């Protein structure tokens, strides 16, 4: 899939135009959209994606949202999709556990005339989604690796070894993060000691793998490329348990609250902030447009699919106030609980 970068916060459908439209009826008095999310281990889905999507849909009309979470089980997600279609869902908003396995969901929905929005992750095969909204995922990997390279260089540790903890092999986005990160790491000439594709994005599995690598490589490890904040938490736990000194540079993604606290305290070097509220709002607007039988205006196309890609932003301790706090993603009070008050003060985050 070719890389296309769209402008940040591009809203694909005008809400005012949608709110006055009559909506189809599923027989219960309400039109129905199904929101199918992939897991609960990644904090973003229950904290941001679901509530923002549901709130935006509620603003646009008398629409019921059927919400399910597959908890990293592709077969369960298939069953959830079938149940949603049987219940009369007129649009599916699908963030697939497994992009290839989800092809059968897309095919079934298409056969019933139900449009599918590929949310955050692309669906591979089974037909053509009506819309795709995500981030420039290769750029995410690049930002993570660039931060890792820059900090190792600043510390004079660029000749040390790094571990690369990638995401779930079933997640199409994980492959794009990996591609972007590997390119930057190769260009910088960093020495990669070992790499791992983390099943289910599991922090526990990431921790166990990193612990095993530390037993083998010990003090050679100066950095850990972790593809998201969950795997970063596992890596940090392993590093702390092994009492690695000086503490390696650790990356992340998603700007989870616990990750920001690790960044403030020095356990994690950076994360990638993604405008999840904007993404969920765009998906909700597009879903209601499709529910009305309208076309979705998109910023670009990817393989013929109307698409909007948002721009990710790298965040270190120096950027927290002007990114996640300024956008209202998290507040200083959220981050700077009593356990982190001293570190926050030292970072100028008060």
Protein backbone atom coordinates (compact mmCIF):
# COMPACT_ATOMS: atom_id res chain seq x y z
CA UNK A 1 0.00 0.00 0.00
CA UNK A 2 1.56 3.21 -1.09
CA UNK A 3 2.18 5.92 1.44
CA UNK A 4 -0.03 8.97 1.32
CA UNK A 5 0.03 11.68 3.96
CA UNK A 6 -3.17 13.65 4.50
CA UNK A 7 -3.54 16.86 6.46
CA UNK A 8 -4.14 16.51 10.18
CA UNK A 9 -7.72 16.77 11.35
CA UNK A 10 -9.31 16.63 7.90
CA UNK A 11 -13.00 15.96 8.51
CA UNK A 12 -14.44 13.94 5.69
CA UNK A 13 -18.13 14.72 5.97
CA UNK A 14 -19.77 17.93 7.14
CA UNK A 15 -21.77 17.19 10.27
CA UNK A 16 -24.30 19.90 9.58
CA UNK A 17 -25.20 18.32 6.29
CA UNK A 18 -25.70 14.97 7.96
CA UNK A 19 -27.82 15.99 10.90
CA UNK A 20 -30.78 17.03 8.79
CA UNK A 21 -30.99 13.82 6.77
CA UNK A 22 -33.57 11.11 7.30
CA UNK A 23 -32.03 7.84 8.42
CA UNK A 24 -32.99 4.32 7.39
CA UNK A 25 -34.91 2.24 9.93
CA UNK A 26 -33.78 -1.19 11.15
CA UNK A 27 -37.24 -2.02 12.38
CA UNK A 28 -36.66 -0.88 15.95
CA UNK A 29 -37.15 2.83 15.30
CA UNK A 30 -33.45 3.51 15.03
CA UNK A 31 -30.90 3.12 12.28
CA UNK A 32 -27.95 0.97 13.33
CA UNK A 33 -24.18 1.19 12.91
CA UNK A 34 -21.92 -1.55 14.24
CA UNK A 35 -18.57 -0.60 15.76
CA UNK A 36 -16.24 -3.61 15.99
CA UNK A 37 -12.95 -3.00 17.81
CA UNK A 38 -10.12 -5.51 18.14
CA UNK A 39 -8.81 -5.63 21.71
CA UNK A 40 -8.82 -4.34 25.26
CA UNK A 41 -5.09 -4.63 25.96
CA UNK A 42 -4.49 -1.42 24.02
CA UNK A 43 -5.95 1.30 26.25
CA UNK A 44 -6.98 3.63 23.43
CA UNK A 45 -10.00 1.63 22.28
CA UNK A 46 -12.09 1.84 25.45
CA UNK A 47 -10.66 5.20 26.56
CA UNK A 48 -11.00 7.17 23.32
CA UNK A 49 -12.15 5.37 20.16
CA UNK A 50 -15.42 3.94 21.46
CA UNK A 51 -16.71 6.89 23.55
CA UNK A 52 -15.77 9.52 20.97
CA UNK A 53 -17.35 7.52 18.13
CA UNK A 54 -20.56 6.92 20.07
CA UNK A 55 -20.83 10.54 21.17
CA UNK A 56 -20.35 11.85 17.65
CA UNK A 57 -22.92 9.48 16.18
CA UNK A 58 -25.40 10.56 18.85
CA UNK A 59 -24.89 14.18 17.77
CA UNK A 60 -25.80 13.34 14.19
CA UNK A 61 -29.18 11.70 14.60
CA UNK A 62 -31.30 8.94 16.08
CA UNK A 63 -28.74 6.20 15.43
CA UNK A 64 -28.02 3.09 17.49
CA UNK A 65 -24.41 1.94 17.82
CA UNK A 66 -23.92 -1.77 18.31
CA UNK A 67 -20.53 -2.04 20.01
CA UNK A 68 -18.40 -5.18 20.37
CA UNK A 69 -14.78 -5.86 21.24
CA UNK A 70 -13.13 -9.05 19.97
CA UNK A 71 -10.45 -9.17 22.68
CA UNK A 72 -7.82 -10.20 20.10
CA UNK A 73 -9.85 -13.17 18.80
CA UNK A 74 -10.42 -13.09 15.02
CA UNK A 75 -13.01 -15.88 15.17
CA UNK A 76 -14.92 -13.99 17.85
CA UNK A 77 -14.85 -10.86 15.71
CA UNK A 78 -16.28 -12.85 12.81
CA UNK A 79 -19.15 -13.99 15.04
CA UNK A 80 -19.69 -10.45 16.30
CA UNK A 81 -19.89 -9.13 12.75
CA UNK A 82 -22.37 -11.84 11.76
CA UNK A 83 -24.50 -11.00 14.80
CA UNK A 84 -24.41 -7.31 13.95
CA UNK A 85 -25.56 -7.98 10.40
CA UNK A 86 -28.31 -10.26 11.67
CA UNK A 87 -29.40 -7.51 14.06
CA UNK A 88 -29.86 -5.11 11.16
CA UNK A 89 -26.65 -3.09 11.14
CA UNK A 90 -26.60 -0.92 8.02
CA UNK A 91 -22.92 0.07 8.27
CA UNK A 92 -19.95 -1.75 9.82
CA UNK A 93 -17.01 0.19 11.24
CA UNK A 94 -14.38 -2.50 11.56
CA UNK A 95 -10.93 -2.40 13.17
CA UNK A 96 -9.85 -5.95 12.36
CA UNK A 97 -7.99 -8.24 14.72
CA UNK A 98 -6.52 -9.88 11.63
CA UNK A 99 -6.65 -7.89 8.41
CA UNK A 100 -6.68 -11.00 6.21
CA UNK A 101 -9.18 -12.98 8.27
CA UNK A 102 -11.49 -9.96 8.19
CA UNK A 103 -11.84 -10.41 4.42
CA UNK A 104 -14.73 -12.79 5.10
CA UNK A 105 -16.50 -10.09 7.16
CA UNK A 106 -16.12 -7.61 4.32
CA UNK A 107 -17.37 -10.15 1.78
CA UNK A 108 -20.44 -11.03 3.88
CA UNK A 109 -21.33 -7.40 4.49
CA UNK A 110 -20.85 -6.49 0.85
CA UNK A 111 -23.11 -9.35 -0.23
CA UNK A 112 -25.85 -7.86 1.97
CA UNK A 113 -25.29 -4.36 0.63
CA UNK A 114 -23.79 -3.14 3.92
CA UNK A 115 -20.83 -0.76 3.49
CA UNK A 116 -17.75 -1.35 5.64
CA UNK A 117 -15.37 1.30 6.97
CA UNK A 118 -11.84 0.01 7.60
CA UNK A 119 -10.99 1.74 10.86
CA UNK A 120 -7.31 2.19 11.78
CA UNK A 121 -6.28 -1.09 10.07
CA UNK A 122 -6.81 -2.06 6.47
CA UNK A 123 -8.87 -5.11 5.51
CA UNK A 124 -6.98 -7.32 3.07
CA UNK A 125 -9.20 -9.06 0.49
CA UNK A 126 -12.90 -9.79 0.43
CA UNK A 127 -13.88 -6.73 -1.54
CA UNK A 128 -13.43 -2.99 -1.30
CA UNK A 129 -14.12 -1.03 1.90
CA UNK A 130 -16.27 2.05 1.46
CA UNK A 131 -13.74 4.17 3.37
CA UNK A 132 -10.46 3.86 5.26
CA UNK A 133 -9.36 6.15 8.08
CA UNK A 134 -6.03 5.74 9.82
CA UNK A 135 -2.64 7.35 10.27
CA UNK A 136 0.46 7.37 8.13
CA UNK A 137 1.70 4.18 9.72
CA UNK A 138 5.11 3.98 8.10
CA UNK A 139 5.70 7.49 9.39
CA UNK A 140 4.88 6.24 12.90
CA UNK A 141 7.72 3.73 12.64
CA UNK A 142 10.03 6.37 11.24
CA UNK A 143 9.28 8.78 14.08
CA UNK A 144 9.97 6.10 16.67
CA UNK A 145 13.25 5.06 15.07
CA UNK A 146 14.38 8.64 14.44
CA UNK A 147 13.88 9.46 18.13
CA UNK A 148 15.78 6.32 19.11
CA UNK A 149 18.68 7.12 16.79
CA UNK A 150 18.87 10.75 17.86
CA UNK A 151 18.88 9.97 21.58
CA UNK A 152 21.45 7.17 21.27
CA UNK A 153 23.65 9.52 19.26
CA UNK A 154 23.27 12.26 21.87
CA UNK A 155 24.31 9.77 24.55
CA UNK A 156 27.24 8.52 22.50
CA UNK A 157 25.78 5.01 22.47
CA UNK A 158 25.06 4.64 18.77
CA UNK A 159 27.53 1.73 18.56
CA UNK A 160 25.59 -0.34 21.09
CA UNK A 161 22.95 -2.93 20.29
CA UNK A 162 19.18 -2.56 20.12
CA UNK A 163 16.22 -4.89 20.45
CA UNK A 164 13.22 -4.41 18.18
CA UNK A 165 9.86 -5.38 19.67
CA UNK A 166 7.33 -5.19 16.84
CA UNK A 167 3.55 -5.52 16.96
CA UNK A 168 1.19 -8.40 16.29
CA UNK A 169 1.89 -10.29 13.06
CA UNK A 170 -1.86 -10.30 12.32
CA UNK A 171 -2.04 -6.49 12.40
CA UNK A 172 -1.43 -4.92 8.99
CA UNK A 173 -0.38 -1.68 10.66
CA UNK A 174 2.36 -3.46 12.58
CA UNK A 175 4.06 -4.37 9.31
CA UNK A 176 4.05 -0.72 8.27
CA UNK A 177 5.45 0.42 11.62
CA UNK A 178 8.18 -2.21 11.22
CA UNK A 179 9.01 -1.15 7.67
CA UNK A 180 9.35 2.51 8.59
CA UNK A 181 11.43 1.78 11.68
CA UNK A 182 13.74 -0.71 9.97
CA UNK A 183 14.48 1.75 7.19
CA UNK A 184 15.62 4.46 9.62
CA UNK A 185 17.58 2.01 11.77
CA UNK A 186 19.38 0.62 8.71
CA UNK A 187 20.23 4.05 7.38
CA UNK A 188 21.67 5.01 10.77
CA UNK A 189 23.72 1.84 10.95
CA UNK A 190 22.41 0.75 14.33
CA UNK A 191 23.24 -2.79 15.37
CA UNK A 192 20.08 -4.86 15.78
CA UNK A 193 20.65 -7.70 18.23
CA UNK A 194 17.26 -9.39 17.79
CA UNK A 195 13.68 -8.73 16.63
CA UNK A 196 10.33 -10.05 17.78
CA UNK A 197 6.75 -9.91 16.46
CA UNK A 198 4.62 -9.72 19.62
CA UNK A 199 1.54 -11.99 19.46
CA UNK A 200 -1.66 -10.06 20.25
CA UNK A 201 0.41 -6.96 21.14
CA UNK A 202 0.73 -8.64 24.56
CA UNK A 203 2.82 -6.68 27.11
CA UNK A 204 3.47 -9.92 29.01
CA UNK A 205 4.86 -11.65 25.94
CA UNK A 206 6.99 -8.61 25.12
CA UNK A 207 8.33 -8.64 28.67
CA UNK A 208 9.19 -12.33 28.54
CA UNK A 209 10.97 -11.96 25.21
CA UNK A 210 12.99 -8.92 26.28
CA UNK A 211 13.95 -10.69 29.50
CA UNK A 212 15.30 -13.59 27.46
CA UNK A 213 17.32 -11.28 25.24
CA UNK A 214 18.79 -9.47 28.24
CA UNK A 215 19.95 -12.81 29.60
CA UNK A 216 21.79 -13.32 26.30
CA UNK A 217 23.06 -9.84 25.47
CA UNK A 218 23.19 -8.10 28.84
CA UNK A 219 24.95 -4.72 28.79
CA UNK A 220 25.10 -4.69 24.99
CA UNK A 221 21.48 -3.47 24.95
CA UNK A 222 21.37 0.33 24.79
CA UNK A 223 17.94 0.75 23.25
CA UNK A 224 14.61 -0.98 22.72
CA UNK A 225 12.40 -0.14 19.78
CA UNK A 226 8.92 -0.96 21.13
CA UNK A 227 6.13 -0.58 18.59
CA UNK A 228 3.51 0.67 21.06
CA UNK A 229 3.15 1.70 24.68
CA UNK A 230 1.88 -1.72 25.73
CA UNK A 231 4.96 -3.53 24.44
CA UNK A 232 7.06 -0.70 25.87
CA UNK A 233 5.59 -1.39 29.31
CA UNK A 234 6.66 -5.01 28.99
CA UNK A 235 10.15 -4.01 27.87
CA UNK A 236 10.53 -1.55 30.73
CA UNK A 237 9.42 -4.18 33.25
CA UNK A 238 12.07 -6.58 31.93
CA UNK A 239 14.76 -3.90 31.95
CA UNK A 240 13.94 -2.90 35.53
CA UNK A 241 13.88 -6.50 36.70
CA UNK A 242 17.32 -7.02 35.17
CA UNK A 243 18.57 -3.74 36.70
CA UNK A 244 20.07 -2.59 33.41
CA UNK A 245 22.29 0.46 33.90
CA UNK A 246 22.43 2.95 32.28
CA UNK A 247 18.77 2.59 31.44
CA UNK A 248 18.22 2.00 27.69
CA UNK A 249 16.25 4.25 25.36
CA UNK A 250 12.71 2.86 24.92
CA UNK A 251 10.17 3.99 22.32
CA UNK A 252 6.38 3.61 22.21
CA UNK A 253 3.15 4.68 20.54
CA UNK A 254 -0.40 5.82 21.44
CA UNK A 255 0.38 8.34 24.22
CA UNK A 256 -1.21 6.13 26.86
CA UNK A 257 -1.39 7.75 30.29
CA UNK A 258 0.93 5.18 31.86
CA UNK A 259 3.42 5.74 29.04
CA UNK A 260 3.45 9.49 29.61
CA UNK A 261 4.13 8.83 33.28
CA UNK A 262 7.00 6.52 32.32
CA UNK A 263 8.35 9.26 30.06
CA UNK A 264 8.18 11.82 32.87
CA UNK A 265 9.95 9.44 35.25
CA UNK A 266 12.59 8.47 32.67
CA UNK A 267 11.63 4.83 32.08
CA UNK A 268 10.40 5.44 28.51
CA UNK A 269 11.98 7.95 26.17
CA UNK A 270 9.17 8.73 23.74
CA UNK A 271 5.75 7.84 22.42
CA UNK A 272 3.81 8.72 19.29
CA UNK A 273 0.70 10.85 19.73
CA UNK A 274 -2.12 10.17 17.33
CA UNK A 275 -5.24 12.33 17.18
CA UNK A 276 -7.63 9.54 18.14
CA UNK A 277 -10.53 11.90 18.77
CA UNK A 278 -10.23 13.21 15.23
CA UNK A 279 -9.98 9.68 13.83
CA UNK A 280 -13.08 8.47 15.68
CA UNK A 281 -15.02 11.61 14.71
CA UNK A 282 -14.12 11.20 11.05
CA UNK A 283 -15.21 7.55 11.15
CA UNK A 284 -18.52 8.47 12.79
CA UNK A 285 -19.23 11.18 10.22
CA UNK A 286 -18.45 8.80 7.38
CA UNK A 287 -20.58 6.02 8.88
CA UNK A 288 -23.62 8.27 9.16
CA UNK A 289 -23.06 9.54 5.62
CA UNK A 290 -23.02 5.97 4.34
CA UNK A 291 -26.09 5.19 6.42
CA UNK A 292 -27.86 7.98 4.55
CA UNK A 293 -26.74 6.57 1.21
CA UNK A 294 -24.35 9.48 0.65
CA UNK A 295 -20.83 9.30 -0.75
CA UNK A 296 -17.93 9.90 1.59
CA UNK A 297 -15.65 12.76 0.67
CA UNK A 298 -12.09 11.71 1.46
CA UNK A 299 -8.72 13.43 1.38
CA UNK A 300 -7.19 10.85 -0.95
CA UNK A 301 -7.53 7.29 -2.23
CA UNK A 302 -5.47 4.19 -1.50
CA UNK A 303 -5.78 1.42 -4.07
CA UNK A 304 -9.05 2.98 -5.15
CA UNK A 305 -10.45 3.20 -1.60
CA UNK A 306 -11.49 6.67 -0.36
CA UNK A 307 -9.18 7.37 2.54
CA UNK A 308 -8.03 9.90 5.10
CA UNK A 309 -4.68 9.46 6.84
CA UNK A 310 -3.78 11.65 9.79
CA UNK A 311 -0.27 12.74 10.71
CA UNK A 312 1.34 11.24 13.85
CA UNK A 313 3.50 13.31 16.20
CA UNK A 314 6.54 12.24 18.22
CA UNK A 315 6.38 13.14 21.93
CA UNK A 316 9.24 13.22 24.44
CA UNK A 317 9.19 14.77 27.91
CA UNK A 318 9.85 18.16 26.32
CA UNK A 319 6.74 17.94 24.10
CA UNK A 320 4.02 16.71 26.47
CA UNK A 321 2.62 20.13 27.35
CA UNK A 322 2.36 21.35 23.77
CA UNK A 323 0.87 18.15 22.36
CA UNK A 324 -1.27 15.85 24.47
CA UNK A 325 -2.01 18.45 27.16
CA UNK A 326 -2.63 21.31 24.73
CA UNK A 327 -5.04 19.11 22.75
CA UNK A 328 -6.93 18.05 25.87
CA UNK A 329 -5.95 14.41 25.31
CA UNK A 330 -4.69 14.22 28.90
CA UNK A 331 -4.46 16.91 31.56
CA UNK A 332 -1.48 17.72 33.75
CA UNK A 333 -3.54 16.45 36.68
CA UNK A 334 -4.04 13.13 34.90
CA UNK A 335 -0.32 12.70 34.36
CA UNK A 336 1.11 14.29 37.48
CA UNK A 337 -0.43 12.19 40.23
CA UNK A 338 1.37 12.33 43.61
CA UNK A 339 3.72 9.50 42.62
CA UNK A 340 4.92 11.58 39.64
CA UNK A 341 4.69 15.09 41.12
CA UNK A 342 8.43 15.48 41.69
CA UNK A 343 9.32 14.20 38.22
CA UNK A 344 6.68 16.46 36.66
CA UNK A 345 8.07 19.47 38.48
CA UNK A 346 11.57 18.65 37.26
CA UNK A 347 10.19 18.44 33.73
CA UNK A 348 8.38 21.77 34.07
CA UNK A 349 5.02 20.05 33.80
CA UNK A 350 2.89 21.69 36.50
